[in-house]
Amino acid sequence: MNEAELLSRITSDPQIFGGKPIIRGHRLAVEHVLGMLGAGDSPETILAGYPWLTGEDLRACLVFARRSVAQERIEPLPASLAA
């Protein structure tokens, strides 16, 4: 899966967390996933805690973070456009 496909998993909905980037329209913010990874939680632990989450979702969060740090322009998809 390329970066564009991964980033399509990150959406933004003004009605959820004030428009912060979230994973595929769910109420799980990208920053929360990054915080869990940064705290030392393994991907397996995170995936076990969120059964609907996939490894690609975790990778999408990391790609989003890398692009944000690199100051690349990132436009999360509006939740209404996410499939």
N, C-alpha and C. Protein backbone atom coordinates (compact mmCIF):
# COMPACT_ATOMS: atom_id res chain seq x y z
N MET A 1 0.85 -1.17 0.00
CA MET A 1 0.00 0.00 0.00
C MET A 1 0.90 1.24 0.00
N ASN A 2 0.67 2.15 -0.95
CA ASN A 2 1.51 3.35 -1.02
C ASN A 2 1.03 4.41 -0.03
N GLU A 3 1.80 5.49 0.09
CA GLU A 3 1.47 6.52 1.07
C GLU A 3 0.13 7.17 0.82
N ALA A 4 -0.21 7.41 -0.43
CA ALA A 4 -1.51 8.03 -0.74
C ALA A 4 -2.65 7.13 -0.27
N GLU A 5 -2.52 5.84 -0.49
CA GLU A 5 -3.55 4.91 -0.05
C GLU A 5 -3.62 4.86 1.48
N LEU A 6 -2.47 4.87 2.12
CA LEU A 6 -2.46 4.89 3.58
C LEU A 6 -3.10 6.16 4.11
N LEU A 7 -2.76 7.29 3.53
CA LEU A 7 -3.29 8.56 4.02
C LEU A 7 -4.80 8.70 3.77
N SER A 8 -5.33 7.94 2.82
CA SER A 8 -6.78 7.99 2.60
C SER A 8 -7.54 7.40 3.79
N ARG A 9 -6.84 6.72 4.68
CA ARG A 9 -7.44 6.17 5.89
C ARG A 9 -7.59 7.23 6.98
N ILE A 10 -6.94 8.36 6.81
CA ILE A 10 -7.01 9.46 7.79
C ILE A 10 -8.05 10.44 7.30
N THR A 11 -9.04 10.70 8.15
CA THR A 11 -10.11 11.61 7.78
C THR A 11 -10.22 12.72 8.82
N SER A 12 -11.06 13.68 8.50
CA SER A 12 -11.30 14.78 9.42
C SER A 12 -12.79 15.11 9.36
N ASP A 13 -13.40 15.24 10.53
CA ASP A 13 -14.81 15.57 10.63
C ASP A 13 -14.95 16.64 11.70
N PRO A 14 -15.45 17.81 11.33
CA PRO A 14 -15.57 18.89 12.32
C PRO A 14 -16.42 18.50 13.54
N GLN A 15 -17.26 17.49 13.40
CA GLN A 15 -18.12 17.05 14.50
C GLN A 15 -17.41 16.08 15.45
N ILE A 16 -16.22 15.62 15.06
CA ILE A 16 -15.49 14.67 15.89
C ILE A 16 -14.15 15.29 16.29
N PHE A 17 -13.95 15.45 17.58
CA PHE A 17 -12.71 16.01 18.14
C PHE A 17 -12.33 17.34 17.49
N GLY A 18 -13.32 18.14 17.18
CA GLY A 18 -13.06 19.48 16.63
C GLY A 18 -12.33 19.47 15.30
N GLY A 19 -12.46 18.38 14.55
CA GLY A 19 -11.84 18.31 13.23
C GLY A 19 -10.42 17.76 13.23
N LYS A 20 -9.95 17.26 14.39
CA LYS A 20 -8.61 16.65 14.41
C LYS A 20 -8.59 15.43 13.50
N PRO A 21 -7.44 15.10 12.93
CA PRO A 21 -7.34 13.92 12.09
C PRO A 21 -7.67 12.65 12.89
N ILE A 22 -8.53 11.83 12.30
CA ILE A 22 -8.97 10.59 12.93
C ILE A 22 -8.80 9.44 11.94
N ILE A 23 -8.93 8.24 12.43
CA ILE A 23 -8.77 7.05 11.59
C ILE A 23 -10.11 6.63 11.03
N ARG A 24 -10.23 6.70 9.72
CA ARG A 24 -11.37 6.21 8.97
C ARG A 24 -12.72 6.55 9.56
N GLY A 25 -12.87 7.75 10.05
CA GLY A 25 -14.16 8.18 10.55
C GLY A 25 -14.52 7.66 11.93
N HIS A 26 -13.67 6.89 12.56
CA HIS A 26 -13.92 6.42 13.92
C HIS A 26 -13.50 7.50 14.91
N ARG A 27 -13.88 7.33 16.12
CA ARG A 27 -13.51 8.28 17.17
C ARG A 27 -12.19 7.90 17.81
N LEU A 28 -11.19 7.77 16.96
CA LEU A 28 -9.83 7.50 17.44
C LEU A 28 -8.90 8.45 16.70
N ALA A 29 -8.37 9.42 17.44
CA ALA A 29 -7.53 10.44 16.84
C ALA A 29 -6.14 9.88 16.52
N VAL A 30 -5.57 10.37 15.44
CA VAL A 30 -4.21 9.99 15.05
C VAL A 30 -3.26 10.27 16.21
N GLU A 31 -3.42 11.40 16.87
CA GLU A 31 -2.51 11.74 17.97
C GLU A 31 -2.60 10.73 19.10
N HIS A 32 -3.76 10.13 19.31
CA HIS A 32 -3.90 9.12 20.35
C HIS A 32 -3.10 7.86 20.00
N VAL A 33 -3.20 7.44 18.75
CA VAL A 33 -2.45 6.27 18.31
C VAL A 33 -0.95 6.54 18.43
N LEU A 34 -0.52 7.71 18.00
CA LEU A 34 0.90 8.06 18.10
C LEU A 34 1.34 8.10 19.56
N GLY A 35 0.48 8.59 20.42
CA GLY A 35 0.79 8.62 21.85
C GLY A 35 0.97 7.22 22.42
N MET A 36 0.11 6.29 22.00
CA MET A 36 0.23 4.91 22.48
C MET A 36 1.54 4.29 21.99
N LEU A 37 1.87 4.51 20.71
CA LEU A 37 3.13 4.00 20.17
C LEU A 37 4.32 4.63 20.89
N GLY A 38 4.25 5.93 21.12
CA GLY A 38 5.32 6.64 21.81
C GLY A 38 5.50 6.20 23.25
N ALA A 39 4.41 5.74 23.87
CA ALA A 39 4.46 5.27 25.25
C ALA A 39 5.00 3.85 25.35
N GLY A 40 5.23 3.24 24.18
CA GLY A 40 5.81 1.91 24.19
C GLY A 40 4.83 0.78 23.94
N ASP A 41 3.56 1.10 23.70
CA ASP A 41 2.61 0.05 23.37
C ASP A 41 2.99 -0.58 22.04
N SER A 42 2.93 -1.87 21.97
CA SER A 42 3.26 -2.56 20.72
C SER A 42 2.09 -2.46 19.76
N PRO A 43 2.35 -2.54 18.47
CA PRO A 43 1.24 -2.56 17.51
C PRO A 43 0.23 -3.67 17.84
N GLU A 44 0.72 -4.83 18.27
CA GLU A 44 -0.17 -5.94 18.60
C GLU A 44 -1.11 -5.58 19.76
N THR A 45 -0.58 -4.88 20.76
CA THR A 45 -1.40 -4.47 21.90
C THR A 45 -2.47 -3.48 21.46
N ILE A 46 -2.08 -2.53 20.63
CA ILE A 46 -3.03 -1.53 20.14
C ILE A 46 -4.11 -2.20 19.30
N LEU A 47 -3.72 -3.09 18.41
CA LEU A 47 -4.68 -3.78 17.55
C LEU A 47 -5.63 -4.65 18.38
N ALA A 48 -5.13 -5.24 19.44
CA ALA A 48 -5.99 -6.06 20.31
C ALA A 48 -7.01 -5.19 21.04
N GLY A 49 -6.62 -3.97 21.38
CA GLY A 49 -7.52 -3.06 22.09
C GLY A 49 -8.55 -2.40 21.20
N TYR A 50 -8.29 -2.37 19.93
CA TYR A 50 -9.20 -1.76 18.95
C TYR A 50 -9.39 -2.76 17.81
N PRO A 51 -10.33 -3.70 17.96
CA PRO A 51 -10.46 -4.79 17.00
C PRO A 51 -10.73 -4.36 15.56
N TRP A 52 -11.30 -3.19 15.36
CA TRP A 52 -11.59 -2.70 14.01
C TRP A 52 -10.38 -2.05 13.35
N LEU A 53 -9.34 -1.80 14.14
CA LEU A 53 -8.12 -1.16 13.64
C LEU A 53 -7.26 -2.19 12.91
N THR A 54 -6.53 -1.72 11.90
CA THR A 54 -5.64 -2.62 11.15
C THR A 54 -4.21 -2.12 11.21
N GLY A 55 -3.30 -2.97 10.82
CA GLY A 55 -1.89 -2.57 10.74
C GLY A 55 -1.69 -1.42 9.77
N GLU A 56 -2.48 -1.40 8.70
CA GLU A 56 -2.39 -0.31 7.74
C GLU A 56 -2.82 1.01 8.37
N ASP A 57 -3.78 0.96 9.28
CA ASP A 57 -4.19 2.18 9.99
C ASP A 57 -3.03 2.72 10.83
N LEU A 58 -2.32 1.82 11.50
CA LEU A 58 -1.16 2.25 12.29
C LEU A 58 -0.10 2.86 11.39
N ARG A 59 0.16 2.23 10.26
CA ARG A 59 1.13 2.76 9.30
C ARG A 59 0.68 4.12 8.78
N ALA A 60 -0.62 4.28 8.56
CA ALA A 60 -1.15 5.56 8.08
C ALA A 60 -0.87 6.67 9.10
N CYS A 61 -1.00 6.36 10.38
CA CYS A 61 -0.70 7.35 11.43
C CYS A 61 0.76 7.75 11.39
N LEU A 62 1.64 6.78 11.19
CA LEU A 62 3.07 7.08 11.12
C LEU A 62 3.42 7.90 9.89
N VAL A 63 2.81 7.59 8.76
CA VAL A 63 3.04 8.38 7.54
C VAL A 63 2.54 9.80 7.75
N PHE A 64 1.36 9.93 8.35
CA PHE A 64 0.80 11.25 8.63
C PHE A 64 1.75 12.05 9.52
N ALA A 65 2.28 11.41 10.56
CA ALA A 65 3.20 12.09 11.47
C ALA A 65 4.48 12.50 10.75
N ARG A 66 5.03 11.60 9.94
CA ARG A 66 6.25 11.93 9.22
C ARG A 66 6.04 13.12 8.31
N ARG A 67 4.93 13.12 7.59
CA ARG A 67 4.67 14.25 6.69
C ARG A 67 4.42 15.53 7.45
N SER A 68 3.79 15.43 8.60
CA SER A 68 3.55 16.62 9.42
C SER A 68 4.87 17.21 9.91
N VAL A 69 5.76 16.36 10.36
CA VAL A 69 7.06 16.81 10.85
C VAL A 69 7.88 17.39 9.70
N ALA A 70 7.73 16.81 8.53
CA ALA A 70 8.47 17.30 7.36
C ALA A 70 7.83 18.57 6.80
N GLN A 71 6.74 18.99 7.40
CA GLN A 71 6.00 20.18 7.00
C GLN A 71 5.48 20.07 5.57
N GLU A 72 5.12 18.86 5.18
CA GLU A 72 4.48 18.66 3.89
C GLU A 72 3.01 18.97 4.04
N ARG A 73 2.41 19.44 2.99
CA ARG A 73 0.98 19.75 3.04
C ARG A 73 0.20 18.44 3.07
N ILE A 74 -0.68 18.32 4.07
CA ILE A 74 -1.51 17.13 4.23
C ILE A 74 -2.94 17.60 4.39
N GLU A 75 -3.81 17.06 3.61
CA GLU A 75 -5.23 17.37 3.71
C GLU A 75 -5.98 16.09 4.02
N PRO A 76 -6.35 15.85 5.30
CA PRO A 76 -7.14 14.67 5.60
C PRO A 76 -8.44 14.72 4.80
N LEU A 77 -8.90 13.58 4.34
CA LEU A 77 -10.17 13.53 3.62
C LEU A 77 -11.31 13.90 4.54
N PRO A 78 -12.26 14.68 4.05
CA PRO A 78 -13.46 14.88 4.85
C PRO A 78 -14.13 13.53 5.07
N ALA A 79 -14.67 13.31 6.25
CA ALA A 79 -15.28 12.02 6.56
C ALA A 79 -16.38 11.68 5.56
N SER A 80 -17.05 12.67 5.04
CA SER A 80 -18.13 12.42 4.09
C SER A 80 -17.62 11.83 2.78
N LEU A 81 -16.34 11.98 2.46
CA LEU A 81 -15.76 11.44 1.23
C LEU A 81 -15.07 10.11 1.42
N ALA A 82 -14.82 9.73 2.66
CA ALA A 82 -14.11 8.47 2.94
C ALA A 82 -15.04 7.30 2.63
N ALA A 83 -14.46 6.28 2.05
CA ALA A 83 -15.29 5.10 1.70
C ALA A 83 -15.35 4.12 2.83
